[in-house]
């Protein structure tokens, strides 16, 4: 693999910003660790990388901001960009290195998320169309399907690009994603697993407390054998 041809784009907000935008208890602590994990695996690849957080992003929509970030990396002289976020605990350095190698023979690599989006995209600059890219249904369950549909249409017309799908992984958007991730039994660092398990445990405890309160209230209202709530003399 030629050196200097491929760069990684970590398109990820700060933990503080994630805590504001994602409905997850203690999200700042969680995404502090997820950001640490993401940057750690990126550094292990030995590939050049760019971390573009909300402070460096510009554009009115998510699609515009990501498009602008990818174009920025191309302008630095790279032919391939591998873009990832910070919300996929199972993503490993080997997945990114494998993508970089696959990009030597393929123009597009997609790592689909189980919620319908994707956790990784590797793309050669010859296949990057900013206008089409901006208009994809970002942050919806239709994203990966629409992206693949666009690729298929292009492939039929030009006999390109060569396209590969990686394994599906789960990302974290809401608290219920965490329970699914823990049940998948894939490798997660000890520190990250501990944080995830604590979050799920607290949520389940809170839900149990609420349910118990509802049960008690229901019992009192429907099986009250004492005096009526209002007594007239």
C-alpha atoms as a PDB file:
ATOM      1  CA  UNK A   1       0.000   0.000   0.000  1.00  0.00           C
ATOM      2  CA  UNK A   2       1.397   3.378  -0.959  1.00  0.00           C
ATOM      3  CA  UNK A   3       2.076   5.734   1.922  1.00  0.00           C
ATOM      4  CA  UNK A   4       0.447   9.149   2.027  1.00  0.00           C
ATOM      5  CA  UNK A   5      -2.490   8.194  -0.205  1.00  0.00           C
ATOM      6  CA  UNK A   6      -5.167   7.675   2.445  1.00  0.00           C
ATOM      7  CA  UNK A   7      -6.176   9.754   5.461  1.00  0.00           C
ATOM      8  CA  UNK A   8      -8.725   9.231   8.226  1.00  0.00           C
ATOM      9  CA  UNK A   9     -11.385  11.811   9.019  1.00  0.00           C
ATOM     10  CA  UNK A  10     -12.701  11.608  12.578  1.00  0.00           C
ATOM     11  CA  UNK A  11     -15.915  13.578  12.276  1.00  0.00           C
ATOM     12  CA  UNK A  12     -16.954  13.765  15.905  1.00  0.00           C
ATOM     13  CA  UNK A  13     -18.309  16.321  18.310  1.00  0.00           C
ATOM     14  CA  UNK A  14     -16.863  17.006  21.741  1.00  0.00           C
ATOM     15  CA  UNK A  15     -18.271  15.060  24.685  1.00  0.00           C
ATOM     16  CA  UNK A  16     -19.901  18.271  25.959  1.00  0.00           C
ATOM     17  CA  UNK A  17     -21.752  18.772  22.667  1.00  0.00           C
ATOM     18  CA  UNK A  18     -22.779  15.112  22.485  1.00  0.00           C
ATOM     19  CA  UNK A  19     -24.268  15.387  25.978  1.00  0.00           C
ATOM     20  CA  UNK A  20     -26.508  18.184  24.702  1.00  0.00           C
ATOM     21  CA  UNK A  21     -27.652  16.472  21.511  1.00  0.00           C
ATOM     22  CA  UNK A  22     -28.044  12.808  22.585  1.00  0.00           C
ATOM     23  CA  UNK A  23     -30.708  11.694  25.112  1.00  0.00           C
ATOM     24  CA  UNK A  24     -28.403   9.512  27.193  1.00  0.00           C
ATOM     25  CA  UNK A  25     -27.785   9.842  30.963  1.00  0.00           C
ATOM     26  CA  UNK A  26     -24.196  10.837  31.805  1.00  0.00           C
ATOM     27  CA  UNK A  27     -23.540  11.228  28.090  1.00  0.00           C
ATOM     28  CA  UNK A  28     -20.563  13.533  28.638  1.00  0.00           C
ATOM     29  CA  UNK A  29     -18.657  10.865  30.567  1.00  0.00           C
ATOM     30  CA  UNK A  30     -19.590   8.244  28.006  1.00  0.00           C
ATOM     31  CA  UNK A  31     -18.516  10.295  24.987  1.00  0.00           C
ATOM     32  CA  UNK A  32     -15.341  11.464  26.685  1.00  0.00           C
ATOM     33  CA  UNK A  33     -14.337   7.807  26.788  1.00  0.00           C
ATOM     34  CA  UNK A  34     -15.661   7.110  23.280  1.00  0.00           C
ATOM     35  CA  UNK A  35     -13.620  10.005  21.886  1.00  0.00           C
ATOM     36  CA  UNK A  36     -10.561   8.680  23.706  1.00  0.00           C
ATOM     37  CA  UNK A  37     -11.191   5.198  22.323  1.00  0.00           C
ATOM     38  CA  UNK A  38     -11.718   6.468  18.772  1.00  0.00           C
ATOM     39  CA  UNK A  39      -8.561   8.554  18.689  1.00  0.00           C
ATOM     40  CA  UNK A  40      -6.604   5.699  20.271  1.00  0.00           C
ATOM     41  CA  UNK A  41      -7.535   3.191  17.552  1.00  0.00           C
ATOM     42  CA  UNK A  42      -6.948   5.801  14.845  1.00  0.00           C
ATOM     43  CA  UNK A  43      -3.410   6.419  16.091  1.00  0.00           C
ATOM     44  CA  UNK A  44      -2.738   2.662  16.087  1.00  0.00           C
ATOM     45  CA  UNK A  45      -3.347   2.542  12.325  1.00  0.00           C
ATOM     46  CA  UNK A  46      -0.313   4.816  11.710  1.00  0.00           C
ATOM     47  CA  UNK A  47      -2.347   6.583   9.004  1.00  0.00           C
ATOM     48  CA  UNK A  48      -2.553  10.378   8.913  1.00  0.00           C
ATOM     49  CA  UNK A  49      -5.787  11.643  10.445  1.00  0.00           C
ATOM     50  CA  UNK A  50      -7.843  14.783  10.950  1.00  0.00           C
ATOM     51  CA  UNK A  51     -10.176  15.236  13.913  1.00  0.00           C
ATOM     52  CA  UNK A  52     -12.871  17.742  12.990  1.00  0.00           C
ATOM     53  CA  UNK A  53     -15.166  18.555  15.911  1.00  0.00           C
ATOM     54  CA  UNK A  54     -17.999  21.098  16.051  1.00  0.00           C
ATOM     55  CA  UNK A  55     -15.405  23.865  16.430  1.00  0.00           C
ATOM     56  CA  UNK A  56     -13.991  23.221  12.940  1.00  0.00           C
ATOM     57  CA  UNK A  57     -17.203  22.218  11.172  1.00  0.00           C
ATOM     58  CA  UNK A  58     -19.160  24.642   9.018  1.00  0.00           C
ATOM     59  CA  UNK A  59     -22.436  24.352   7.150  1.00  0.00           C
ATOM     60  CA  UNK A  60     -26.099  24.567   8.053  1.00  0.00           C
ATOM     61  CA  UNK A  61     -26.906  20.844   7.896  1.00  0.00           C
ATOM     62  CA  UNK A  62     -25.118  17.676   8.944  1.00  0.00           C
ATOM     63  CA  UNK A  63     -24.675  16.736   5.274  1.00  0.00           C
ATOM     64  CA  UNK A  64     -23.084  20.074   4.461  1.00  0.00           C
ATOM     65  CA  UNK A  65     -20.744  19.929   7.435  1.00  0.00           C
ATOM     66  CA  UNK A  66     -19.568  16.397   6.636  1.00  0.00           C
ATOM     67  CA  UNK A  67     -19.197  17.205   2.933  1.00  0.00           C
ATOM     68  CA  UNK A  68     -17.071  20.248   3.740  1.00  0.00           C
ATOM     69  CA  UNK A  69     -14.909  18.209   6.113  1.00  0.00           C
ATOM     70  CA  UNK A  70     -14.256  15.500   3.504  1.00  0.00           C
ATOM     71  CA  UNK A  71     -13.415  18.092   0.861  1.00  0.00           C
ATOM     72  CA  UNK A  72     -10.967  19.693   3.277  1.00  0.00           C
ATOM     73  CA  UNK A  73      -9.065  16.393   3.611  1.00  0.00           C
ATOM     74  CA  UNK A  74      -8.929  15.969  -0.174  1.00  0.00           C
ATOM     75  CA  UNK A  75      -7.523  19.478  -0.453  1.00  0.00           C
ATOM     76  CA  UNK A  76      -4.605  18.379   1.736  1.00  0.00           C
ATOM     77  CA  UNK A  77      -3.511  16.101  -1.126  1.00  0.00           C
ATOM     78  CA  UNK A  78      -5.042  12.739  -0.165  1.00  0.00           C
ATOM     79  CA  UNK A  79      -6.806  10.518  -2.694  1.00  0.00           C
ATOM     80  CA  UNK A  80      -8.810   8.430  -0.230  1.00  0.00           C
ATOM     81  CA  UNK A  81     -10.714   9.475   2.878  1.00  0.00           C
ATOM     82  CA  UNK A  82     -11.886   7.069   5.548  1.00  0.00           C
ATOM     83  CA  UNK A  83     -14.481   8.853   7.645  1.00  0.00           C
ATOM     84  CA  UNK A  84     -15.660   7.597  11.043  1.00  0.00           C
ATOM     85  CA  UNK A  85     -17.568   8.964  14.021  1.00  0.00           C
ATOM     86  CA  UNK A  86     -17.128   8.465  17.749  1.00  0.00           C
ATOM     87  CA  UNK A  87     -20.149   6.305  18.598  1.00  0.00           C
ATOM     88  CA  UNK A  88     -19.137   2.756  17.583  1.00  0.00           C
ATOM     89  CA  UNK A  89     -17.472   0.967  20.534  1.00  0.00           C
ATOM     90  CA  UNK A  90     -16.727  -2.196  18.546  1.00  0.00           C
ATOM     91  CA  UNK A  91     -14.751  -0.394  15.834  1.00  0.00           C
ATOM     92  CA  UNK A  92     -11.075  -1.423  15.938  1.00  0.00           C
ATOM     93  CA  UNK A  93      -7.846  -0.247  14.340  1.00  0.00           C
ATOM     94  CA  UNK A  94      -7.783  -3.434  12.242  1.00  0.00           C
ATOM     95  CA  UNK A  95     -11.114  -2.444  10.653  1.00  0.00           C
ATOM     96  CA  UNK A  96      -9.660   0.882   9.544  1.00  0.00           C
ATOM     97  CA  UNK A  97      -6.389  -0.633   8.296  1.00  0.00           C
ATOM     98  CA  UNK A  98      -8.376  -3.223   6.363  1.00  0.00           C
ATOM     99  CA  UNK A  99     -10.434  -0.444   4.770  1.00  0.00           C
ATOM    100  CA  UNK A 100      -7.273   1.390   3.720  1.00  0.00           C
ATOM    101  CA  UNK A 101      -5.992  -1.770   2.031  1.00  0.00           C
ATOM    102  CA  UNK A 102      -9.315  -2.439   0.316  1.00  0.00           C
ATOM    103  CA  UNK A 103      -9.312   1.105  -1.067  1.00  0.00           C
ATOM    104  CA  UNK A 104      -6.268   0.161  -3.139  1.00  0.00           C
ATOM    105  CA  UNK A 105      -8.560  -1.950  -5.347  1.00  0.00           C
ATOM    106  CA  UNK A 106     -11.978  -0.390  -4.647  1.00  0.00           C
ATOM    107  CA  UNK A 107     -13.368   3.120  -4.896  1.00  0.00           C
ATOM    108  CA  UNK A 108     -15.944   2.837  -2.113  1.00  0.00           C
ATOM    109  CA  UNK A 109     -16.091   0.943   1.176  1.00  0.00           C
ATOM    110  CA  UNK A 110     -19.093   1.165   3.501  1.00  0.00           C
ATOM    111  CA  UNK A 111     -19.435  -0.101   7.057  1.00  0.00           C
ATOM    112  CA  UNK A 112     -23.196  -0.213   7.703  1.00  0.00           C
ATOM    113  CA  UNK A 113     -24.672   0.458  11.124  1.00  0.00           C
ATOM    114  CA  UNK A 114     -27.491  -1.732  12.368  1.00  0.00           C
ATOM    115  CA  UNK A 115     -29.780   1.284  12.653  1.00  0.00           C
ATOM    116  CA  UNK A 116     -29.666   1.953   8.909  1.00  0.00           C
ATOM    117  CA  UNK A 117     -26.792   4.424   8.806  1.00  0.00           C
ATOM    118  CA  UNK A 118     -23.093   3.673   8.542  1.00  0.00           C
ATOM    119  CA  UNK A 119     -20.204   3.845  10.991  1.00  0.00           C
ATOM    120  CA  UNK A 120     -17.425   4.029   8.373  1.00  0.00           C
ATOM    121  CA  UNK A 121     -17.044   5.150   4.789  1.00  0.00           C
ATOM    122  CA  UNK A 122     -13.943   4.907   2.641  1.00  0.00           C
ATOM    123  CA  UNK A 123     -14.132   6.827  -0.619  1.00  0.00           C
ATOM    124  CA  UNK A 124     -11.760   7.761  -3.440  1.00  0.00           C
ATOM    125  CA  UNK A 125     -11.917  11.401  -4.530  1.00  0.00           C
ATOM    126  CA  UNK A 126     -12.964  10.386  -8.054  1.00  0.00           C
ATOM    127  CA  UNK A 127     -16.242   9.063  -6.641  1.00  0.00           C
ATOM    128  CA  UNK A 128     -17.058  11.941  -4.328  1.00  0.00           C
ATOM    129  CA  UNK A 129     -19.874  14.153  -5.604  1.00  0.00           C
ATOM    130  CA  UNK A 130     -20.446  16.940  -3.026  1.00  0.00           C
ATOM    131  CA  UNK A 131     -23.925  17.867  -4.275  1.00  0.00           C
ATOM    132  CA  UNK A 132     -25.248  14.302  -4.197  1.00  0.00           C
ATOM    133  CA  UNK A 133     -23.516  13.626  -0.905  1.00  0.00           C
ATOM    134  CA  UNK A 134     -25.095  16.641   0.814  1.00  0.00           C
ATOM    135  CA  UNK A 135     -28.560  15.562  -0.258  1.00  0.00           C
ATOM    136  CA  UNK A 136     -28.422  12.076   1.263  1.00  0.00           C
ATOM    137  CA  UNK A 137     -30.961  11.453   4.081  1.00  0.00           C
ATOM    138  CA  UNK A 138     -28.437  11.953   6.857  1.00  0.00           C
ATOM    139  CA  UNK A 139     -29.278  10.847  10.398  1.00  0.00           C
ATOM    140  CA  UNK A 140     -32.174   8.673   9.230  1.00  0.00           C
ATOM    141  CA  UNK A 141     -32.743   4.915   8.935  1.00  0.00           C
ATOM    142  CA  UNK A 142     -32.740   5.217   5.138  1.00  0.00           C
ATOM    143  CA  UNK A 143     -29.183   6.546   4.826  1.00  0.00           C
ATOM    144  CA  UNK A 144     -27.246   3.372   3.958  1.00  0.00           C
ATOM    145  CA  UNK A 145     -29.992   2.072   1.679  1.00  0.00           C
ATOM    146  CA  UNK A 146     -30.154   5.344  -0.266  1.00  0.00           C
ATOM    147  CA  UNK A 147     -26.366   5.581  -0.435  1.00  0.00           C
ATOM    148  CA  UNK A 148     -26.116   2.072  -1.898  1.00  0.00           C
ATOM    149  CA  UNK A 149     -28.941   2.839  -4.335  1.00  0.00           C
ATOM    150  CA  UNK A 150     -27.033   5.885  -5.595  1.00  0.00           C
ATOM    151  CA  UNK A 151     -23.905   3.773  -6.024  1.00  0.00           C
ATOM    152  CA  UNK A 152     -25.810   1.102  -7.967  1.00  0.00           C
ATOM    153  CA  UNK A 153     -27.184   3.697 -10.364  1.00  0.00           C
ATOM    154  CA  UNK A 154     -23.704   5.107 -10.962  1.00  0.00           C
ATOM    155  CA  UNK A 155     -22.229   1.635 -11.404  1.00  0.00           C
ATOM    156  CA  UNK A 156     -24.727   0.663 -14.079  1.00  0.00           C
ATOM    157  CA  UNK A 157     -23.905   3.785 -16.092  1.00  0.00           C
ATOM    158  CA  UNK A 158     -20.110   3.825 -15.792  1.00  0.00           C
ATOM    159  CA  UNK A 159     -19.205   0.243 -14.763  1.00  0.00           C
ATOM    160  CA  UNK A 160     -17.750   1.866 -11.656  1.00  0.00           C
ATOM    161  CA  UNK A 161     -17.152   2.281  -8.780  1.00  0.00           C
ATOM    162  CA  UNK A 162     -15.961  -0.943  -7.228  1.00  0.00           C
ATOM    163  CA  UNK A 163     -17.871  -1.145  -3.980  1.00  0.00           C
ATOM    164  CA  UNK A 164     -17.579  -3.310  -0.866  1.00  0.00           C
ATOM    165  CA  UNK A 165     -19.667  -3.667   2.299  1.00  0.00           C
ATOM    166  CA  UNK A 166     -17.969  -4.368   5.625  1.00  0.00           C
ATOM    167  CA  UNK A 167     -19.567  -6.153   8.588  1.00  0.00           C
ATOM    168  CA  UNK A 168     -22.459  -4.405  10.338  1.00  0.00           C
ATOM    169  CA  UNK A 169     -21.823  -2.827  13.737  1.00  0.00           C
ATOM    170  CA  UNK A 170     -24.001  -1.037  16.273  1.00  0.00           C
ATOM    171  CA  UNK A 171     -23.564   2.624  17.155  1.00  0.00           C
ATOM    172  CA  UNK A 172     -24.911   4.627  20.094  1.00  0.00           C
ATOM    173  CA  UNK A 173     -27.699   7.145  19.559  1.00  0.00           C
ATOM    174  CA  UNK A 174     -30.017   6.343  22.483  1.00  0.00           C
ATOM    175  CA  UNK A 175     -29.687   4.460  25.771  1.00  0.00           C
ATOM    176  CA  UNK A 176     -31.300   1.301  24.358  1.00  0.00           C
ATOM    177  CA  UNK A 177     -28.442   0.953  21.862  1.00  0.00           C
ATOM    178  CA  UNK A 178     -26.067   0.355  24.770  1.00  0.00           C
ATOM    179  CA  UNK A 179     -27.909  -2.729  25.992  1.00  0.00           C
ATOM    180  CA  UNK A 180     -27.790  -4.214  22.484  1.00  0.00           C
ATOM    181  CA  UNK A 181     -24.070  -3.481  22.154  1.00  0.00           C
ATOM    182  CA  UNK A 182     -23.277  -5.196  25.453  1.00  0.00           C
ATOM    183  CA  UNK A 183     -25.310  -8.251  24.445  1.00  0.00           C
ATOM    184  CA  UNK A 184     -23.421  -8.646  21.172  1.00  0.00           C
ATOM    185  CA  UNK A 185     -20.390  -9.954  23.064  1.00  0.00           C
ATOM    186  CA  UNK A 186     -17.843  -8.337  20.778  1.00  0.00           C
ATOM    187  CA  UNK A 187     -14.603  -6.875  22.104  1.00  0.00           C
ATOM    188  CA  UNK A 188     -14.857  -3.579  23.990  1.00  0.00           C
ATOM    189  CA  UNK A 189     -12.135  -2.070  26.152  1.00  0.00           C
ATOM    190  CA  UNK A 190     -12.542  -2.718  29.881  1.00  0.00           C
ATOM    191  CA  UNK A 191     -13.005   0.963  30.750  1.00  0.00           C
ATOM    192  CA  UNK A 192     -15.631   1.515  28.077  1.00  0.00           C
ATOM    193  CA  UNK A 193     -17.512  -1.659  28.965  1.00  0.00           C
ATOM    194  CA  UNK A 194     -17.583  -0.625  32.607  1.00  0.00           C
ATOM    195  CA  UNK A 195     -19.105   2.765  31.734  1.00  0.00           C
ATOM    196  CA  UNK A 196     -21.708   1.172  29.447  1.00  0.00           C
ATOM    197  CA  UNK A 197     -22.709  -1.423  32.033  1.00  0.00           C
ATOM    198  CA  UNK A 198     -23.056   1.241  34.730  1.00  0.00           C
ATOM    199  CA  UNK A 199     -25.285   3.368  32.501  1.00  0.00           C
ATOM    200  CA  UNK A 200     -27.575   0.452  31.662  1.00  0.00           C
ATOM    201  CA  UNK A 201     -27.743  -0.639  35.309  1.00  0.00           C
ATOM    202  CA  UNK A 202     -28.776   2.850  36.460  1.00  0.00           C
ATOM    203  CA  UNK A 203     -31.457   3.147  33.800  1.00  0.00           C
ATOM    204  CA  UNK A 204     -32.914  -0.271  34.649  1.00  0.00           C
ATOM    205  CA  UNK A 205     -32.908   0.606  38.362  1.00  0.00           C
ATOM    206  CA  UNK A 206     -34.716   3.882  37.660  1.00  0.00           C
ATOM    207  CA  UNK A 207     -37.287   2.130  35.476  1.00  0.00           C
ATOM    208  CA  UNK A 208     -37.892  -0.478  38.183  1.00  0.00           C
ATOM    209  CA  UNK A 209     -38.373   2.268  40.789  1.00  0.00           C
ATOM    210  CA  UNK A 210     -40.871   4.074  38.561  1.00  0.00           C
ATOM    211  CA  UNK A 211     -42.755   0.847  37.840  1.00  0.00           C
ATOM    212  CA  UNK A 212     -42.921  -0.012  41.546  1.00  0.00           C
ATOM    213  CA  UNK A 213     -44.298   3.439  42.327  1.00  0.00           C
ATOM    214  CA  UNK A 214     -46.954   3.057  39.612  1.00  0.00           C
ATOM    215  CA  UNK A 215     -47.925  -0.374  40.969  1.00  0.00           C
ATOM    216  CA  UNK A 216     -48.280   0.974  44.510  1.00  0.00           C
ATOM    217  CA  UNK A 217     -50.323   3.955  43.345  1.00  0.00           C
ATOM    218  CA  UNK A 218     -52.566   1.681  41.261  1.00  0.00           C
ATOM    219  CA  UNK A 219     -53.109  -0.619  44.251  1.00  0.00           C
ATOM    220  CA  UNK A 220     -54.038   2.276  46.557  1.00  0.00           C
ATOM    221  CA  UNK A 221     -56.473   3.815  44.094  1.00  0.00           C
ATOM    222  CA  UNK A 222     -58.266   0.616  43.120  1.00  0.00           C
ATOM    223  CA  UNK A 223     -58.143  -1.442  46.304  1.00  0.00           C
ATOM    224  CA  UNK A 224     -58.653   1.210  48.983  1.00  0.00           C
ATOM    225  CA  UNK A 225     -60.653  -0.417  51.824  1.00  0.00           C
ATOM    226  CA  UNK A 226     -60.458   2.576  54.169  1.00  0.00           C
ATOM    227  CA  UNK A 227     -62.368   5.828  54.364  1.00  0.00           C
ATOM    228  CA  UNK A 228     -63.290   7.690  51.186  1.00  0.00           C
ATOM    229  CA  UNK A 229     -60.973  10.496  50.091  1.00  0.00           C
ATOM    230  CA  UNK A 230     -63.659  13.090  50.805  1.00  0.00           C
ATOM    231  CA  UNK A 231     -65.894  12.816  53.851  1.00  0.00           C
ATOM    232  CA  UNK A 232     -69.008  14.932  54.158  1.00  0.00           C
ATOM    233  CA  UNK A 233     -70.528  15.634  57.599  1.00  0.00           C
END
